[in-house]
Amino acid sequence: MIFPLEELIEYNGNMYEITSAASRRSFQLSMIRDEEIEMNDGKVVSLAARQVFTDEIEFRLEA
């Protein structure tokens, strides 16, 4: 899967939050070496972004 551009364009929430969540999720996926990374041609950021935009994972930012 490529980066979910359509979801990014249609997103109406806080762009900083969604970017931070995708960045943090990318780090988590790479650290645990998730099997899904290989199914996504090694593209960790696009996998993380898809998970965030499709609500496959939930996130919240703490102050």
N, C-alpha and C. Protein backbone atom coordinates (compact mmCIF):
# COMPACT_ATOMS: atom_id res chain seq x y z
N MET A 1 0.84 -1.18 0.00
CA MET A 1 0.00 0.00 0.00
C MET A 1 0.88 1.24 0.00
N ILE A 2 0.47 2.22 -0.77
CA ILE A 2 1.17 3.49 -0.76
C ILE A 2 0.62 4.36 0.36
N PHE A 3 1.26 5.49 0.58
CA PHE A 3 0.81 6.40 1.62
C PHE A 3 -0.64 6.82 1.37
N PRO A 4 -1.50 6.80 2.37
CA PRO A 4 -2.93 7.10 2.19
C PRO A 4 -3.20 8.59 1.97
N LEU A 5 -2.90 9.08 0.77
CA LEU A 5 -3.03 10.51 0.49
C LEU A 5 -4.47 11.00 0.55
N GLU A 6 -5.41 10.21 0.06
CA GLU A 6 -6.80 10.65 0.07
C GLU A 6 -7.30 10.87 1.50
N GLU A 7 -6.95 9.95 2.39
CA GLU A 7 -7.34 10.11 3.79
C GLU A 7 -6.69 11.35 4.40
N LEU A 8 -5.45 11.61 4.01
CA LEU A 8 -4.74 12.78 4.51
C LEU A 8 -5.41 14.07 4.04
N ILE A 9 -5.80 14.10 2.79
CA ILE A 9 -6.46 15.28 2.23
C ILE A 9 -7.81 15.53 2.89
N GLU A 10 -8.55 14.44 3.16
CA GLU A 10 -9.89 14.57 3.72
C GLU A 10 -9.89 14.72 5.24
N TYR A 11 -8.75 14.60 5.87
CA TYR A 11 -8.67 14.66 7.32
C TYR A 11 -8.95 16.08 7.80
N ASN A 12 -9.88 16.21 8.75
CA ASN A 12 -10.28 17.52 9.26
C ASN A 12 -9.79 17.80 10.68
N GLY A 13 -9.09 16.85 11.25
CA GLY A 13 -8.62 17.01 12.63
C GLY A 13 -7.32 17.78 12.71
N ASN A 14 -6.69 17.67 13.86
CA ASN A 14 -5.43 18.35 14.13
C ASN A 14 -4.30 17.63 13.39
N MET A 15 -3.68 18.29 12.42
CA MET A 15 -2.65 17.69 11.59
C MET A 15 -1.41 17.32 12.43
N TYR A 16 -1.10 18.12 13.42
CA TYR A 16 0.05 17.81 14.29
C TYR A 16 -0.19 16.50 15.02
N GLU A 17 -1.39 16.29 15.54
CA GLU A 17 -1.69 15.07 16.28
C GLU A 17 -1.56 13.84 15.38
N ILE A 18 -2.16 13.90 14.21
CA ILE A 18 -2.15 12.73 13.34
C ILE A 18 -0.73 12.43 12.85
N THR A 19 0.06 13.47 12.61
CA THR A 19 1.45 13.28 12.19
C THR A 19 2.27 12.68 13.32
N SER A 20 2.08 13.17 14.51
CA SER A 20 2.79 12.63 15.68
C SER A 20 2.40 11.18 15.93
N ALA A 21 1.13 10.87 15.79
CA ALA A 21 0.66 9.51 16.01
C ALA A 21 1.25 8.56 14.97
N ALA A 22 1.27 8.96 13.71
CA ALA A 22 1.84 8.11 12.66
C ALA A 22 3.34 7.94 12.85
N SER A 23 4.01 8.99 13.27
CA SER A 23 5.45 8.92 13.51
C SER A 23 5.76 7.96 14.66
N ARG A 24 5.03 8.09 15.73
CA ARG A 24 5.23 7.23 16.89
C ARG A 24 4.91 5.78 16.55
N ARG A 25 3.83 5.57 15.80
CA ARG A 25 3.46 4.21 15.40
C ARG A 25 4.52 3.60 14.49
N SER A 26 5.10 4.41 13.60
CA SER A 26 6.17 3.93 12.73
C SER A 26 7.34 3.42 13.57
N PHE A 27 7.69 4.18 14.59
CA PHE A 27 8.77 3.78 15.48
C PHE A 27 8.43 2.47 16.18
N GLN A 28 7.21 2.36 16.69
CA GLN A 28 6.80 1.14 17.38
C GLN A 28 6.88 -0.08 16.46
N LEU A 29 6.36 0.07 15.24
CA LEU A 29 6.37 -1.04 14.30
C LEU A 29 7.79 -1.49 13.96
N SER A 30 8.67 -0.53 13.77
CA SER A 30 10.04 -0.89 13.43
C SER A 30 10.77 -1.53 14.61
N MET A 31 10.46 -1.12 15.82
CA MET A 31 11.11 -1.69 17.00
C MET A 31 10.65 -3.12 17.28
N ILE A 32 9.37 -3.40 17.06
CA ILE A 32 8.87 -4.76 17.32
C ILE A 32 9.00 -5.65 16.09
N ARG A 33 9.44 -5.05 14.99
CA ARG A 33 9.63 -5.78 13.72
C ARG A 33 8.37 -6.54 13.33
N ASP A 34 7.29 -5.81 13.28
CA ASP A 34 5.98 -6.36 12.96
C ASP A 34 6.01 -7.06 11.61
N GLU A 35 5.37 -8.22 11.53
CA GLU A 35 5.31 -8.99 10.28
C GLU A 35 4.59 -8.23 9.17
N GLU A 36 3.70 -7.36 9.54
CA GLU A 36 2.92 -6.60 8.57
C GLU A 36 3.80 -5.67 7.73
N ILE A 37 4.98 -5.33 8.24
CA ILE A 37 5.90 -4.47 7.50
C ILE A 37 6.32 -5.16 6.21
N GLU A 38 6.64 -6.44 6.28
CA GLU A 38 7.05 -7.18 5.08
C GLU A 38 5.90 -7.29 4.08
N MET A 39 4.68 -7.43 4.57
CA MET A 39 3.52 -7.50 3.67
C MET A 39 3.26 -6.14 3.03
N ASN A 40 3.85 -5.09 3.56
CA ASN A 40 3.69 -3.73 3.05
C ASN A 40 4.98 -3.27 2.34
N ASP A 41 5.72 -4.22 1.80
CA ASP A 41 6.96 -3.96 1.07
C ASP A 41 7.97 -3.16 1.89
N GLY A 42 7.98 -3.33 3.19
CA GLY A 42 8.94 -2.66 4.05
C GLY A 42 8.66 -1.20 4.30
N LYS A 43 7.50 -0.71 3.90
CA LYS A 43 7.15 0.70 4.04
C LYS A 43 6.46 0.93 5.39
N VAL A 44 7.27 1.25 6.38
CA VAL A 44 6.79 1.38 7.75
C VAL A 44 5.89 2.60 7.92
N VAL A 45 6.27 3.73 7.34
CA VAL A 45 5.51 4.97 7.53
C VAL A 45 4.13 4.86 6.89
N SER A 46 4.04 4.31 5.70
CA SER A 46 2.72 4.19 5.07
C SER A 46 1.84 3.20 5.81
N LEU A 47 2.44 2.14 6.35
CA LEU A 47 1.68 1.19 7.17
C LEU A 47 1.14 1.86 8.42
N ALA A 48 2.00 2.62 9.10
CA ALA A 48 1.58 3.32 10.31
C ALA A 48 0.49 4.34 9.99
N ALA A 49 0.65 5.09 8.92
CA ALA A 49 -0.35 6.09 8.54
C ALA A 49 -1.69 5.42 8.24
N ARG A 50 -1.66 4.29 7.53
CA ARG A 50 -2.90 3.58 7.24
C ARG A 50 -3.58 3.13 8.53
N GLN A 51 -2.80 2.61 9.48
CA GLN A 51 -3.36 2.16 10.74
C GLN A 51 -4.00 3.32 11.51
N VAL A 52 -3.37 4.47 11.47
CA VAL A 52 -3.90 5.64 12.18
C VAL A 52 -5.15 6.17 11.49
N PHE A 53 -5.11 6.33 10.17
CA PHE A 53 -6.24 6.91 9.45
C PHE A 53 -7.46 6.00 9.40
N THR A 54 -7.25 4.68 9.44
CA THR A 54 -8.38 3.75 9.38
C THR A 54 -8.86 3.34 10.76
N ASP A 55 -8.32 3.99 11.79
CA ASP A 55 -8.68 3.70 13.18
C ASP A 55 -8.40 2.26 13.59
N GLU A 56 -7.43 1.64 12.92
CA GLU A 56 -7.00 0.30 13.30
C GLU A 56 -6.33 0.35 14.67
N ILE A 57 -5.72 1.49 14.96
CA ILE A 57 -5.15 1.74 16.29
C ILE A 57 -5.75 3.04 16.80
N GLU A 58 -5.80 3.17 18.09
CA GLU A 58 -6.25 4.42 18.70
C GLU A 58 -5.04 5.15 19.24
N PHE A 59 -5.13 6.46 19.28
CA PHE A 59 -4.01 7.24 19.81
C PHE A 59 -4.53 8.41 20.60
N ARG A 60 -3.68 8.89 21.48
CA ARG A 60 -3.94 10.13 22.19
C ARG A 60 -2.58 10.71 22.55
N LEU A 61 -2.50 12.00 22.52
CA LEU A 61 -1.25 12.67 22.87
C LEU A 61 -1.37 13.18 24.30
N GLU A 62 -0.34 12.94 25.06
CA GLU A 62 -0.33 13.40 26.43
C GLU A 62 0.52 14.64 26.53
N ALA A 63 0.08 15.57 27.32
CA ALA A 63 0.82 16.82 27.49
C ALA A 63 1.97 16.67 28.43
